[in-house]
């Protein structure tokens, strides 16, 4: 049989309320910090991984095209040099 001591019951209620309040404060602090970080990062120019990969592929393709054009120009210049 459990005794009903009002002092113990009040202390248990107080501890439960404090635990709930602490948990709420923790969630609120975490959410606030996350929001501040999001605002700070929003002002910076970051790109997504997909955008970065797309631009990287475009640069590689442009480099290949440039090398191919340089080879064609060298071949044409060689032909002109042979004719002269």
N, C-alpha and C. Protein backbone atom coordinates (compact mmCIF):
# COMPACT_ATOMS: atom_id res chain seq x y z
N UNK A 1 0.82 -1.18 0.00
CA UNK A 1 0.00 0.00 0.00
C UNK A 1 0.87 1.26 0.00
N UNK A 2 0.52 2.18 -0.85
CA UNK A 2 1.31 3.40 -0.99
C UNK A 2 0.68 4.50 -0.15
N UNK A 3 1.52 5.22 0.58
CA UNK A 3 0.98 6.30 1.41
C UNK A 3 0.81 7.54 0.57
N UNK A 4 -0.17 8.31 0.88
CA UNK A 4 -0.47 9.55 0.16
C UNK A 4 0.05 10.73 0.97
N UNK A 5 1.32 11.03 0.80
CA UNK A 5 1.91 12.16 1.49
C UNK A 5 1.78 13.38 0.59
N UNK A 6 1.08 14.42 1.01
CA UNK A 6 0.87 15.60 0.16
C UNK A 6 2.18 16.30 -0.21
N UNK A 7 3.14 16.28 0.67
CA UNK A 7 4.42 16.93 0.38
C UNK A 7 5.14 16.21 -0.75
N UNK A 8 5.15 14.89 -0.69
CA UNK A 8 5.80 14.10 -1.74
C UNK A 8 5.06 14.28 -3.07
N UNK A 9 3.74 14.28 -3.01
CA UNK A 9 2.94 14.46 -4.23
C UNK A 9 3.22 15.82 -4.85
N UNK A 10 3.34 16.86 -4.02
CA UNK A 10 3.63 18.20 -4.53
C UNK A 10 5.04 18.26 -5.14
N UNK A 11 5.99 17.61 -4.49
CA UNK A 11 7.35 17.59 -5.02
C UNK A 11 7.41 16.86 -6.37
N UNK A 12 6.66 15.79 -6.50
CA UNK A 12 6.62 15.05 -7.76
C UNK A 12 5.99 15.90 -8.86
N UNK A 13 4.92 16.60 -8.54
CA UNK A 13 4.28 17.49 -9.51
C UNK A 13 5.23 18.60 -9.93
N UNK A 14 5.95 19.16 -8.96
CA UNK A 14 6.90 20.23 -9.24
C UNK A 14 8.03 19.72 -10.14
N UNK A 15 8.54 18.53 -9.86
CA UNK A 15 9.61 17.95 -10.67
C UNK A 15 9.12 17.67 -12.09
N UNK A 16 7.91 17.15 -12.23
CA UNK A 16 7.35 16.90 -13.57
C UNK A 16 7.17 18.20 -14.34
N UNK A 17 6.69 19.24 -13.67
CA UNK A 17 6.49 20.53 -14.33
C UNK A 17 7.83 21.12 -14.76
N UNK A 18 8.83 21.00 -13.87
CA UNK A 18 10.16 21.53 -14.20
C UNK A 18 10.76 20.77 -15.38
N UNK A 19 10.59 19.47 -15.42
CA UNK A 19 11.12 18.68 -16.53
C UNK A 19 10.45 19.06 -17.84
N UNK A 20 9.14 19.26 -17.81
CA UNK A 20 8.42 19.68 -19.01
C UNK A 20 8.85 21.06 -19.48
N UNK A 21 9.03 21.97 -18.53
CA UNK A 21 9.47 23.32 -18.86
C UNK A 21 10.87 23.29 -19.45
N UNK A 22 11.75 22.51 -18.85
CA UNK A 22 13.12 22.40 -19.35
C UNK A 22 13.15 21.83 -20.77
N UNK A 23 12.34 20.81 -21.01
CA UNK A 23 12.28 20.22 -22.35
C UNK A 23 11.78 21.25 -23.36
N UNK A 24 10.78 22.02 -22.98
CA UNK A 24 10.26 23.06 -23.87
C UNK A 24 11.29 24.13 -24.15
N UNK A 25 12.02 24.53 -23.12
CA UNK A 25 13.06 25.55 -23.30
C UNK A 25 14.17 25.02 -24.22
N UNK A 26 14.50 23.75 -24.06
CA UNK A 26 15.53 23.14 -24.91
C UNK A 26 15.09 23.14 -26.38
N UNK A 27 13.85 22.74 -26.63
CA UNK A 27 13.34 22.75 -28.01
C UNK A 27 13.33 24.16 -28.57
N UNK A 28 12.89 25.11 -27.77
CA UNK A 28 12.81 26.49 -28.24
C UNK A 28 14.20 27.05 -28.54
N UNK A 29 15.17 26.75 -27.68
CA UNK A 29 16.54 27.22 -27.91
C UNK A 29 17.12 26.59 -29.16
N UNK A 30 16.89 25.29 -29.36
CA UNK A 30 17.41 24.60 -30.54
C UNK A 30 16.79 25.18 -31.81
N UNK A 31 15.46 25.40 -31.78
CA UNK A 31 14.79 25.96 -32.95
C UNK A 31 15.25 27.38 -33.24
N UNK A 32 15.46 28.16 -32.18
CA UNK A 32 15.94 29.53 -32.36
C UNK A 32 17.34 29.56 -32.95
N UNK A 33 18.21 28.69 -32.44
CA UNK A 33 19.58 28.63 -32.98
C UNK A 33 19.56 28.19 -34.43
N UNK A 34 18.73 27.23 -34.74
CA UNK A 34 18.62 26.74 -36.12
C UNK A 34 18.13 27.87 -37.05
N UNK A 35 17.17 28.64 -36.58
CA UNK A 35 16.64 29.75 -37.39
C UNK A 35 17.69 30.84 -37.58
N UNK A 36 18.44 31.17 -36.53
CA UNK A 36 19.50 32.18 -36.66
C UNK A 36 20.57 31.71 -37.64
N UNK A 37 20.93 30.44 -37.58
CA UNK A 37 21.92 29.90 -38.51
C UNK A 37 21.39 29.94 -39.94
N UNK A 38 20.12 29.61 -40.11
CA UNK A 38 19.52 29.64 -41.44
C UNK A 38 19.53 31.06 -42.00
N UNK A 39 19.23 32.05 -41.15
CA UNK A 39 19.24 33.45 -41.60
C UNK A 39 20.66 33.89 -41.96
N UNK A 40 21.64 33.48 -41.15
CA UNK A 40 23.03 33.86 -41.42
C UNK A 40 23.52 33.22 -42.72
N UNK A 41 23.17 31.97 -42.93
CA UNK A 41 23.61 31.27 -44.13
C UNK A 41 22.85 31.76 -45.36
N UNK A 42 21.66 32.28 -45.18
CA UNK A 42 20.85 32.74 -46.31
C UNK A 42 21.47 33.91 -47.04
N UNK A 43 22.25 34.73 -46.34
CA UNK A 43 22.88 35.88 -46.95
C UNK A 43 24.09 35.53 -47.77
N UNK A 44 24.59 34.32 -47.62
CA UNK A 44 25.79 33.91 -48.35
C UNK A 44 25.40 33.26 -49.67
N UNK A 45 26.32 33.30 -50.59
CA UNK A 45 26.06 32.72 -51.91
C UNK A 45 26.49 31.27 -51.96
N UNK A 46 25.64 30.39 -51.50
CA UNK A 46 25.91 28.97 -51.57
C UNK A 46 25.10 28.38 -52.70
N UNK A 47 25.64 27.38 -53.34
CA UNK A 47 24.91 26.69 -54.41
C UNK A 47 24.66 25.25 -53.98
N UNK A 48 23.67 24.68 -54.57
CA UNK A 48 23.38 23.28 -54.26
C UNK A 48 24.40 22.38 -54.95
N UNK A 49 24.48 21.16 -54.51
CA UNK A 49 25.41 20.20 -55.10
C UNK A 49 25.07 19.96 -56.57
N UNK A 50 23.77 19.91 -56.89
CA UNK A 50 23.35 19.68 -58.26
C UNK A 50 23.80 20.82 -59.17
N UNK A 51 23.66 22.07 -58.69
CA UNK A 51 24.10 23.21 -59.49
C UNK A 51 25.61 23.17 -59.70
N UNK A 52 26.34 22.85 -58.65
CA UNK A 52 27.79 22.77 -58.75
C UNK A 52 28.21 21.72 -59.76
N UNK A 53 27.60 20.54 -59.68
CA UNK A 53 27.95 19.47 -60.61
C UNK A 53 27.62 19.84 -62.04
N UNK A 54 26.50 20.55 -62.24
CA UNK A 54 26.10 20.95 -63.59
C UNK A 54 27.12 21.94 -64.17
N UNK A 55 27.54 22.91 -63.38
CA UNK A 55 28.51 23.89 -63.86
C UNK A 55 29.87 23.24 -64.09
N UNK A 56 30.23 22.30 -63.23
CA UNK A 56 31.50 21.57 -63.40
C UNK A 56 31.50 20.80 -64.72
N UNK A 57 30.37 20.15 -65.04
CA UNK A 57 30.27 19.41 -66.29
C UNK A 57 30.33 20.36 -67.48
N UNK A 58 29.69 21.52 -67.37
CA UNK A 58 29.73 22.50 -68.46
C UNK A 58 31.16 22.99 -68.69
N UNK A 59 31.90 23.22 -67.61
CA UNK A 59 33.28 23.70 -67.74
C UNK A 59 34.15 22.62 -68.39
N UNK A 60 33.94 21.37 -68.01
CA UNK A 60 34.72 20.28 -68.61
C UNK A 60 34.43 20.17 -70.10
N UNK A 61 33.15 20.30 -70.46
CA UNK A 61 32.77 20.24 -71.87
C UNK A 61 33.36 21.42 -72.64
N UNK A 62 33.36 22.60 -72.05
CA UNK A 62 33.93 23.78 -72.71
C UNK A 62 35.43 23.62 -72.89
N UNK A 63 36.10 23.03 -71.90
CA UNK A 63 37.54 22.80 -72.01
C UNK A 63 37.84 21.83 -73.14
N UNK A 64 37.04 20.76 -73.25
CA UNK A 64 37.23 19.79 -74.34
C UNK A 64 37.01 20.45 -75.69
N UNK A 65 35.96 21.26 -75.81
CA UNK A 65 35.68 21.96 -77.07
C UNK A 65 36.82 22.91 -77.42
N UNK A 66 37.35 23.59 -76.42
CA UNK A 66 38.46 24.53 -76.65
C UNK A 66 39.69 23.79 -77.14
N UNK A 67 40.00 22.64 -76.54
CA UNK A 67 41.15 21.86 -76.98
C UNK A 67 40.95 21.34 -78.40
N UNK A 68 39.72 20.93 -78.72
CA UNK A 68 39.44 20.43 -80.07
C UNK A 68 39.59 21.55 -81.09
N UNK A 69 39.10 22.75 -80.75
CA UNK A 69 39.22 23.89 -81.66
C UNK A 69 40.68 24.30 -81.83
N UNK A 70 41.45 24.24 -80.75
CA UNK A 70 42.87 24.59 -80.85
C UNK A 70 43.58 23.60 -81.77
N UNK A 71 43.22 22.33 -81.70
CA UNK A 71 43.83 21.33 -82.58
C UNK A 71 43.45 21.60 -84.03
N UNK A 72 42.18 21.97 -84.27
CA UNK A 72 41.75 22.26 -85.65
C UNK A 72 42.48 23.48 -86.20
N UNK A 73 42.64 24.51 -85.36
CA UNK A 73 43.34 25.72 -85.81
C UNK A 73 44.79 25.38 -86.12
N UNK A 74 45.42 24.57 -85.29
CA UNK A 74 46.81 24.18 -85.54
C UNK A 74 46.92 23.41 -86.85
N UNK A 75 45.96 22.52 -87.12
CA UNK A 75 45.98 21.75 -88.37
C UNK A 75 45.79 22.67 -89.57
N UNK A 76 44.88 23.62 -89.48
CA UNK A 76 44.66 24.57 -90.59
C UNK A 76 45.88 25.44 -90.81
N UNK A 77 46.51 25.87 -89.72
CA UNK A 77 47.72 26.69 -89.87
C UNK A 77 48.84 25.87 -90.52
N UNK A 78 48.90 24.60 -90.18
CA UNK A 78 49.93 23.74 -90.79
C UNK A 78 49.67 23.59 -92.29
N UNK A 79 48.40 23.45 -92.67
CA UNK A 79 48.06 23.34 -94.11
C UNK A 79 48.45 24.62 -94.83
N UNK A 80 48.14 25.78 -94.22
CA UNK A 80 48.49 27.06 -94.85
C UNK A 80 50.00 27.20 -94.96
N UNK A 81 50.70 26.76 -93.97
CA UNK A 81 52.17 26.86 -94.00
C UNK A 81 52.73 25.97 -95.11
N UNK A 82 52.12 24.81 -95.35
CA UNK A 82 52.59 23.91 -96.42
C UNK A 82 52.34 24.53 -97.80
N UNK A 83 51.23 25.24 -97.97
CA UNK A 83 50.89 25.85 -99.26
C UNK A 83 51.80 27.03 -99.59
N UNK A 84 52.28 27.66 -98.55
CA UNK A 84 53.08 28.88 -98.79
C UNK A 84 54.52 28.60 -99.11
